[in-house]
Amino acid sequence: MLIVCMAAAISCQTKTIVGATMIVQWDAPALGIIPAVEVGYEVWLQPYPSGTSVLVATIVTFEQVVTFTLEGAYKIGVRMKRTVVADGTVIYSPYNWSDIDGSPSPWYVVFYLSPPKVLRVRIK
């Protein structure tokens, strides 16, 4: 079971998502003169409120499936990765963390393993 918490814990709104996965989406910033072919995104998962970040994926689309395997609270971060075609230089944007700049308000995810269903219900 996934619970998505919005804002402070005392006013936490929750959303239960069946299974251990959720889809995270974001909006692309204006690139200006940066060629789109040079741009990708990194999606990161970090224990909430702090801990070691783990790279989930490097992609070129605006959404990513995130799968949880360990119980706990997590925030999700996304940053842009630019690889300059001319010489291979890699440049990163700052992170956008869900607990700071989340939309429509800051949020984090709490994941608990669901218990297995009981077996062989019967009359005795």
N, C-alpha and C. Protein backbone atom coordinates (compact mmCIF):
# COMPACT_ATOMS: atom_id res chain seq x y z
N MET A 1 0.84 -1.17 0.00
CA MET A 1 0.00 0.00 0.00
C MET A 1 0.88 1.23 0.00
N LEU A 2 0.56 2.18 -0.85
CA LEU A 2 1.26 3.47 -0.89
C LEU A 2 0.34 4.55 -0.36
N ILE A 3 0.89 5.42 0.46
CA ILE A 3 0.14 6.57 0.96
C ILE A 3 0.92 7.80 0.52
N VAL A 4 0.27 8.71 -0.17
CA VAL A 4 0.91 9.95 -0.58
C VAL A 4 0.46 11.03 0.40
N CYS A 5 1.41 11.63 1.11
CA CYS A 5 1.10 12.65 2.11
C CYS A 5 1.38 14.02 1.55
N MET A 6 0.42 14.92 1.67
CA MET A 6 0.56 16.28 1.18
C MET A 6 0.77 17.21 2.36
N ALA A 7 1.72 18.12 2.23
CA ALA A 7 2.00 19.17 3.22
C ALA A 7 2.45 18.57 4.55
N ALA A 8 2.16 19.25 5.63
CA ALA A 8 2.63 18.82 6.96
C ALA A 8 1.88 17.58 7.41
N ALA A 9 2.52 16.81 8.28
CA ALA A 9 1.95 15.55 8.74
C ALA A 9 0.59 15.74 9.41
N ILE A 10 0.39 16.85 10.13
CA ILE A 10 -0.88 17.04 10.82
C ILE A 10 -2.03 17.25 9.85
N SER A 11 -1.76 17.80 8.69
CA SER A 11 -2.81 18.00 7.70
C SER A 11 -2.58 17.10 6.49
N CYS A 12 -2.07 15.92 6.74
CA CYS A 12 -1.68 15.00 5.69
C CYS A 12 -2.91 14.44 4.97
N GLN A 13 -2.95 14.64 3.65
CA GLN A 13 -3.96 14.01 2.82
C GLN A 13 -3.34 12.73 2.29
N THR A 14 -4.10 11.67 2.25
CA THR A 14 -3.52 10.41 1.81
C THR A 14 -4.22 9.89 0.56
N LYS A 15 -3.46 9.17 -0.22
CA LYS A 15 -3.98 8.50 -1.41
C LYS A 15 -3.38 7.11 -1.42
N THR A 16 -4.21 6.11 -1.44
CA THR A 16 -3.74 4.74 -1.47
C THR A 16 -3.65 4.28 -2.91
N ILE A 17 -2.52 3.69 -3.26
CA ILE A 17 -2.29 3.19 -4.61
C ILE A 17 -2.09 1.69 -4.50
N VAL A 18 -2.86 0.94 -5.27
CA VAL A 18 -2.76 -0.52 -5.21
C VAL A 18 -1.41 -0.96 -5.77
N GLY A 19 -0.75 -1.85 -5.06
CA GLY A 19 0.55 -2.34 -5.49
C GLY A 19 1.67 -1.51 -4.92
N ALA A 20 2.87 -1.70 -5.43
CA ALA A 20 4.05 -1.02 -4.91
C ALA A 20 4.64 -0.05 -5.91
N THR A 21 3.84 0.39 -6.86
CA THR A 21 4.37 1.31 -7.87
C THR A 21 3.49 2.55 -7.97
N MET A 22 4.11 3.63 -8.41
CA MET A 22 3.37 4.85 -8.72
C MET A 22 4.05 5.51 -9.92
N ILE A 23 3.31 6.34 -10.62
CA ILE A 23 3.86 7.07 -11.76
C ILE A 23 4.07 8.51 -11.33
N VAL A 24 5.28 9.00 -11.52
CA VAL A 24 5.63 10.38 -11.20
C VAL A 24 5.74 11.15 -12.52
N GLN A 25 5.14 12.33 -12.57
CA GLN A 25 5.20 13.17 -13.77
C GLN A 25 5.74 14.55 -13.40
N TRP A 26 6.26 15.25 -14.39
CA TRP A 26 6.74 16.62 -14.19
C TRP A 26 6.59 17.38 -15.49
N ASP A 27 6.71 18.69 -15.39
CA ASP A 27 6.64 19.56 -16.57
C ASP A 27 8.05 19.94 -16.99
N ALA A 28 8.26 19.96 -18.28
CA ALA A 28 9.57 20.35 -18.80
C ALA A 28 9.72 21.86 -18.74
N PRO A 29 10.90 22.33 -18.34
CA PRO A 29 11.13 23.78 -18.38
C PRO A 29 11.38 24.23 -19.82
N ALA A 30 11.29 25.52 -20.02
CA ALA A 30 11.63 26.08 -21.34
C ALA A 30 13.13 25.89 -21.56
N LEU A 31 13.51 25.37 -22.70
CA LEU A 31 14.92 25.08 -22.97
C LEU A 31 15.68 26.25 -23.57
N GLY A 32 14.97 27.24 -24.07
CA GLY A 32 15.68 28.36 -24.73
C GLY A 32 16.43 27.83 -25.94
N ILE A 33 17.74 28.09 -26.00
CA ILE A 33 18.52 27.66 -27.17
C ILE A 33 19.17 26.29 -26.98
N ILE A 34 18.91 25.63 -25.86
CA ILE A 34 19.47 24.28 -25.64
C ILE A 34 18.75 23.30 -26.56
N PRO A 35 19.48 22.56 -27.38
CA PRO A 35 18.84 21.57 -28.26
C PRO A 35 18.17 20.46 -27.45
N ALA A 36 16.94 20.13 -27.80
CA ALA A 36 16.19 19.09 -27.08
C ALA A 36 16.91 17.75 -27.08
N VAL A 37 17.69 17.47 -28.10
CA VAL A 37 18.41 16.20 -28.21
C VAL A 37 19.45 16.04 -27.09
N GLU A 38 19.86 17.13 -26.47
CA GLU A 38 20.87 17.09 -25.40
C GLU A 38 20.27 16.88 -24.01
N VAL A 39 18.94 16.83 -23.91
CA VAL A 39 18.28 16.86 -22.60
C VAL A 39 17.69 15.51 -22.21
N GLY A 40 17.87 15.14 -20.95
CA GLY A 40 17.25 13.98 -20.35
C GLY A 40 16.92 14.33 -18.90
N TYR A 41 16.36 13.38 -18.20
CA TYR A 41 15.96 13.62 -16.81
C TYR A 41 16.42 12.45 -15.94
N GLU A 42 16.77 12.75 -14.71
CA GLU A 42 17.09 11.74 -13.71
C GLU A 42 16.02 11.77 -12.63
N VAL A 43 15.53 10.60 -12.28
CA VAL A 43 14.54 10.47 -11.21
C VAL A 43 15.23 9.80 -10.04
N TRP A 44 15.12 10.42 -8.85
CA TRP A 44 15.79 9.96 -7.64
C TRP A 44 14.79 9.68 -6.54
N LEU A 45 15.12 8.71 -5.70
CA LEU A 45 14.31 8.34 -4.54
C LEU A 45 15.18 8.51 -3.31
N GLN A 46 14.65 9.16 -2.28
CA GLN A 46 15.41 9.38 -1.06
C GLN A 46 14.50 9.19 0.14
N PRO A 47 14.98 8.48 1.18
CA PRO A 47 14.17 8.37 2.40
C PRO A 47 13.78 9.76 2.90
N TYR A 48 12.55 9.86 3.43
CA TYR A 48 12.06 11.14 3.94
C TYR A 48 12.24 11.17 5.45
N PRO A 49 12.76 12.21 6.05
CA PRO A 49 13.10 13.50 5.46
C PRO A 49 14.52 13.56 4.89
N SER A 50 15.38 12.61 5.24
CA SER A 50 16.73 12.63 4.67
C SER A 50 17.29 11.22 4.64
N GLY A 51 18.34 11.04 3.88
CA GLY A 51 18.97 9.73 3.73
C GLY A 51 19.72 9.68 2.42
N THR A 52 20.18 8.50 2.07
CA THR A 52 20.96 8.32 0.85
C THR A 52 20.04 8.24 -0.36
N SER A 53 20.30 9.07 -1.35
CA SER A 53 19.51 9.08 -2.58
C SER A 53 19.90 7.92 -3.47
N VAL A 54 18.90 7.38 -4.19
CA VAL A 54 19.12 6.29 -5.13
C VAL A 54 18.56 6.70 -6.48
N LEU A 55 19.37 6.56 -7.53
CA LEU A 55 18.92 6.86 -8.88
C LEU A 55 17.94 5.79 -9.34
N VAL A 56 16.73 6.21 -9.72
CA VAL A 56 15.70 5.28 -10.19
C VAL A 56 15.83 5.08 -11.69
N ALA A 57 16.03 6.18 -12.43
CA ALA A 57 16.07 6.07 -13.89
C ALA A 57 16.65 7.34 -14.51
N THR A 58 17.22 7.18 -15.69
CA THR A 58 17.60 8.30 -16.55
C THR A 58 16.79 8.14 -17.82
N ILE A 59 15.95 9.12 -18.11
CA ILE A 59 14.99 8.99 -19.21
C ILE A 59 14.87 10.30 -19.99
N VAL A 60 14.14 10.27 -21.10
CA VAL A 60 13.92 11.48 -21.89
C VAL A 60 12.44 11.89 -21.91
N THR A 61 11.58 11.13 -21.25
CA THR A 61 10.15 11.45 -21.19
C THR A 61 9.87 12.24 -19.91
N PHE A 62 8.60 12.60 -19.69
CA PHE A 62 8.20 13.43 -18.56
C PHE A 62 7.46 12.64 -17.49
N GLU A 63 7.65 11.34 -17.44
CA GLU A 63 7.07 10.53 -16.38
C GLU A 63 7.88 9.26 -16.19
N GLN A 64 7.79 8.71 -14.97
CA GLN A 64 8.55 7.51 -14.65
C GLN A 64 7.78 6.68 -13.63
N VAL A 65 7.75 5.38 -13.84
CA VAL A 65 7.20 4.46 -12.85
C VAL A 65 8.24 4.27 -11.76
N VAL A 66 7.83 4.44 -10.51
CA VAL A 66 8.71 4.24 -9.37
C VAL A 66 8.17 3.06 -8.58
N THR A 67 9.03 2.08 -8.31
CA THR A 67 8.64 0.89 -7.58
C THR A 67 9.30 0.88 -6.21
N PHE A 68 8.51 0.60 -5.19
CA PHE A 68 9.00 0.57 -3.82
C PHE A 68 9.12 -0.88 -3.35
N THR A 69 10.22 -1.19 -2.66
CA THR A 69 10.43 -2.54 -2.15
C THR A 69 10.62 -2.58 -0.64
N LEU A 70 11.03 -1.47 -0.05
CA LEU A 70 11.24 -1.40 1.40
C LEU A 70 10.25 -0.44 2.02
N GLU A 71 9.66 -0.84 3.15
CA GLU A 71 8.73 0.04 3.84
C GLU A 71 9.43 1.31 4.30
N GLY A 72 8.68 2.40 4.29
CA GLY A 72 9.23 3.65 4.77
C GLY A 72 8.63 4.83 4.06
N ALA A 73 9.11 6.02 4.45
CA ALA A 73 8.68 7.27 3.83
C ALA A 73 9.76 7.73 2.85
N TYR A 74 9.34 8.24 1.70
CA TYR A 74 10.27 8.63 0.65
C TYR A 74 9.84 9.94 0.00
N LYS A 75 10.83 10.69 -0.46
CA LYS A 75 10.56 11.83 -1.33
C LYS A 75 11.17 11.50 -2.69
N ILE A 76 10.66 12.15 -3.71
CA ILE A 76 11.11 11.89 -5.07
C ILE A 76 11.68 13.18 -5.65
N GLY A 77 12.83 13.06 -6.28
CA GLY A 77 13.47 14.22 -6.89
C GLY A 77 13.69 13.99 -8.37
N VAL A 78 13.61 15.07 -9.13
CA VAL A 78 13.87 15.02 -10.57
C VAL A 78 14.81 16.17 -10.90
N ARG A 79 15.79 15.88 -11.73
CA ARG A 79 16.65 16.94 -12.24
C ARG A 79 16.92 16.71 -13.72
N MET A 80 17.22 17.80 -14.42
CA MET A 80 17.52 17.70 -15.84
C MET A 80 19.01 17.42 -16.01
N LYS A 81 19.30 16.58 -16.98
CA LYS A 81 20.68 16.25 -17.32
C LYS A 81 20.89 16.66 -18.78
N ARG A 82 21.85 17.55 -18.99
CA ARG A 82 22.18 17.99 -20.35
C ARG A 82 23.53 17.40 -20.72
N THR A 83 23.58 16.69 -21.83
CA THR A 83 24.84 16.19 -22.38
C THR A 83 25.11 16.95 -23.67
N VAL A 84 26.12 17.80 -23.64
CA VAL A 84 26.45 18.63 -24.80
C VAL A 84 26.96 17.74 -25.92
N VAL A 85 26.29 17.77 -27.06
CA VAL A 85 26.64 16.92 -28.19
C VAL A 85 28.07 17.19 -28.68
N ALA A 86 28.47 18.43 -28.71
CA ALA A 86 29.77 18.80 -29.27
C ALA A 86 30.95 18.13 -28.58
N ASP A 87 30.91 18.02 -27.24
CA ASP A 87 32.09 17.46 -26.55
C ASP A 87 31.76 16.48 -25.42
N GLY A 88 30.49 16.16 -25.21
CA GLY A 88 30.12 15.18 -24.19
C GLY A 88 30.06 15.72 -22.77
N THR A 89 30.24 17.02 -22.58
CA THR A 89 30.15 17.62 -21.25
C THR A 89 28.76 17.40 -20.67
N VAL A 90 28.70 17.00 -19.40
CA VAL A 90 27.43 16.76 -18.72
C VAL A 90 27.20 17.87 -17.70
N ILE A 91 26.00 18.47 -17.75
CA ILE A 91 25.62 19.55 -16.85
C ILE A 91 24.26 19.19 -16.25
N TYR A 92 24.12 19.41 -14.93
CA TYR A 92 22.87 19.08 -14.23
C TYR A 92 22.16 20.33 -13.74
N SER A 93 20.85 20.29 -13.76
CA SER A 93 20.05 21.34 -13.12
C SER A 93 19.98 21.02 -11.62
N PRO A 94 19.49 21.96 -10.81
CA PRO A 94 19.22 21.62 -9.41
C PRO A 94 18.09 20.59 -9.35
N TYR A 95 18.02 19.84 -8.25
CA TYR A 95 16.92 18.90 -8.03
C TYR A 95 15.63 19.65 -7.76
N ASN A 96 14.52 19.04 -8.14
CA ASN A 96 13.20 19.48 -7.71
C ASN A 96 12.67 18.33 -6.86
N TRP A 97 12.64 18.51 -5.53
CA TRP A 97 12.20 17.46 -4.60
C TRP A 97 10.72 17.62 -4.30
N SER A 98 10.02 16.49 -4.24
CA SER A 98 8.58 16.50 -4.02
C SER A 98 8.19 17.13 -2.68
N ASP A 99 9.04 17.02 -1.67
CA ASP A 99 8.69 17.57 -0.36
C ASP A 99 8.96 19.07 -0.25
N ILE A 100 9.53 19.66 -1.28
CA ILE A 100 9.80 21.10 -1.27
C ILE A 100 8.99 21.80 -2.36
N ASP A 101 9.13 21.32 -3.59
CA ASP A 101 8.47 21.96 -4.73
C ASP A 101 7.39 21.09 -5.36
N GLY A 102 6.85 20.14 -4.60
CA GLY A 102 5.83 19.25 -5.14
C GLY A 102 4.58 20.01 -5.57
N SER A 103 3.83 19.43 -6.47
CA SER A 103 2.63 20.06 -7.00
C SER A 103 1.46 19.11 -6.82
N PRO A 104 0.29 19.54 -6.37
CA PRO A 104 -0.10 20.92 -6.14
C PRO A 104 0.45 21.50 -4.83
N SER A 105 0.95 20.66 -3.95
CA SER A 105 1.62 21.12 -2.74
C SER A 105 2.69 20.09 -2.39
N PRO A 106 3.62 20.42 -1.51
CA PRO A 106 4.68 19.46 -1.17
C PRO A 106 4.10 18.12 -0.70
N TRP A 107 4.78 17.03 -1.07
CA TRP A 107 4.30 15.70 -0.72
C TRP A 107 5.46 14.73 -0.58
N TYR A 108 5.17 13.62 0.07
CA TYR A 108 6.08 12.49 0.13
C TYR A 108 5.25 11.22 0.16
N VAL A 109 5.90 10.10 -0.02
CA VAL A 109 5.22 8.82 -0.14
C VAL A 109 5.56 7.95 1.06
N VAL A 110 4.56 7.27 1.60
CA VAL A 110 4.79 6.28 2.65
C VAL A 110 4.38 4.93 2.08
N PHE A 111 5.30 3.97 2.13
CA PHE A 111 5.02 2.64 1.57
C PHE A 111 5.03 1.60 2.67
N TYR A 112 3.96 0.81 2.74
CA TYR A 112 3.87 -0.34 3.63
C TYR A 112 3.55 -1.56 2.79
N LEU A 113 4.18 -2.67 3.10
CA LEU A 113 3.85 -3.92 2.43
C LEU A 113 2.44 -4.34 2.84
N SER A 114 1.65 -4.77 1.88
CA SER A 114 0.31 -5.28 2.19
C SER A 114 0.43 -6.71 2.70
N PRO A 115 -0.38 -7.08 3.70
CA PRO A 115 -0.33 -8.46 4.17
C PRO A 115 -0.90 -9.40 3.11
N PRO A 116 -0.44 -10.64 3.09
CA PRO A 116 -0.99 -11.59 2.11
C PRO A 116 -2.43 -11.95 2.47
N LYS A 117 -3.18 -12.38 1.46
CA LYS A 117 -4.56 -12.77 1.75
C LYS A 117 -4.57 -14.14 2.43
N VAL A 118 -5.59 -14.36 3.21
CA VAL A 118 -5.72 -15.65 3.90
C VAL A 118 -6.07 -16.72 2.89
N LEU A 119 -5.80 -17.96 3.24
CA LEU A 119 -6.02 -19.07 2.33
C LEU A 119 -7.14 -19.99 2.83
N ARG A 120 -7.78 -20.64 1.92
CA ARG A 120 -8.72 -21.73 2.18
C ARG A 120 -9.77 -21.41 3.23
N VAL A 121 -10.56 -20.40 3.00
CA VAL A 121 -11.69 -20.08 3.89
C VAL A 121 -12.72 -21.18 3.72
N ARG A 122 -13.19 -21.77 4.84
CA ARG A 122 -14.07 -22.94 4.75
C ARG A 122 -14.98 -23.07 5.98
N ILE A 123 -15.93 -23.92 5.88
CA ILE A 123 -16.81 -24.26 6.98
C ILE A 123 -16.21 -25.45 7.72
N LYS A 124 -16.30 -25.40 9.03
CA LYS A 124 -15.77 -26.52 9.82
C LYS A 124 -16.90 -27.34 10.39
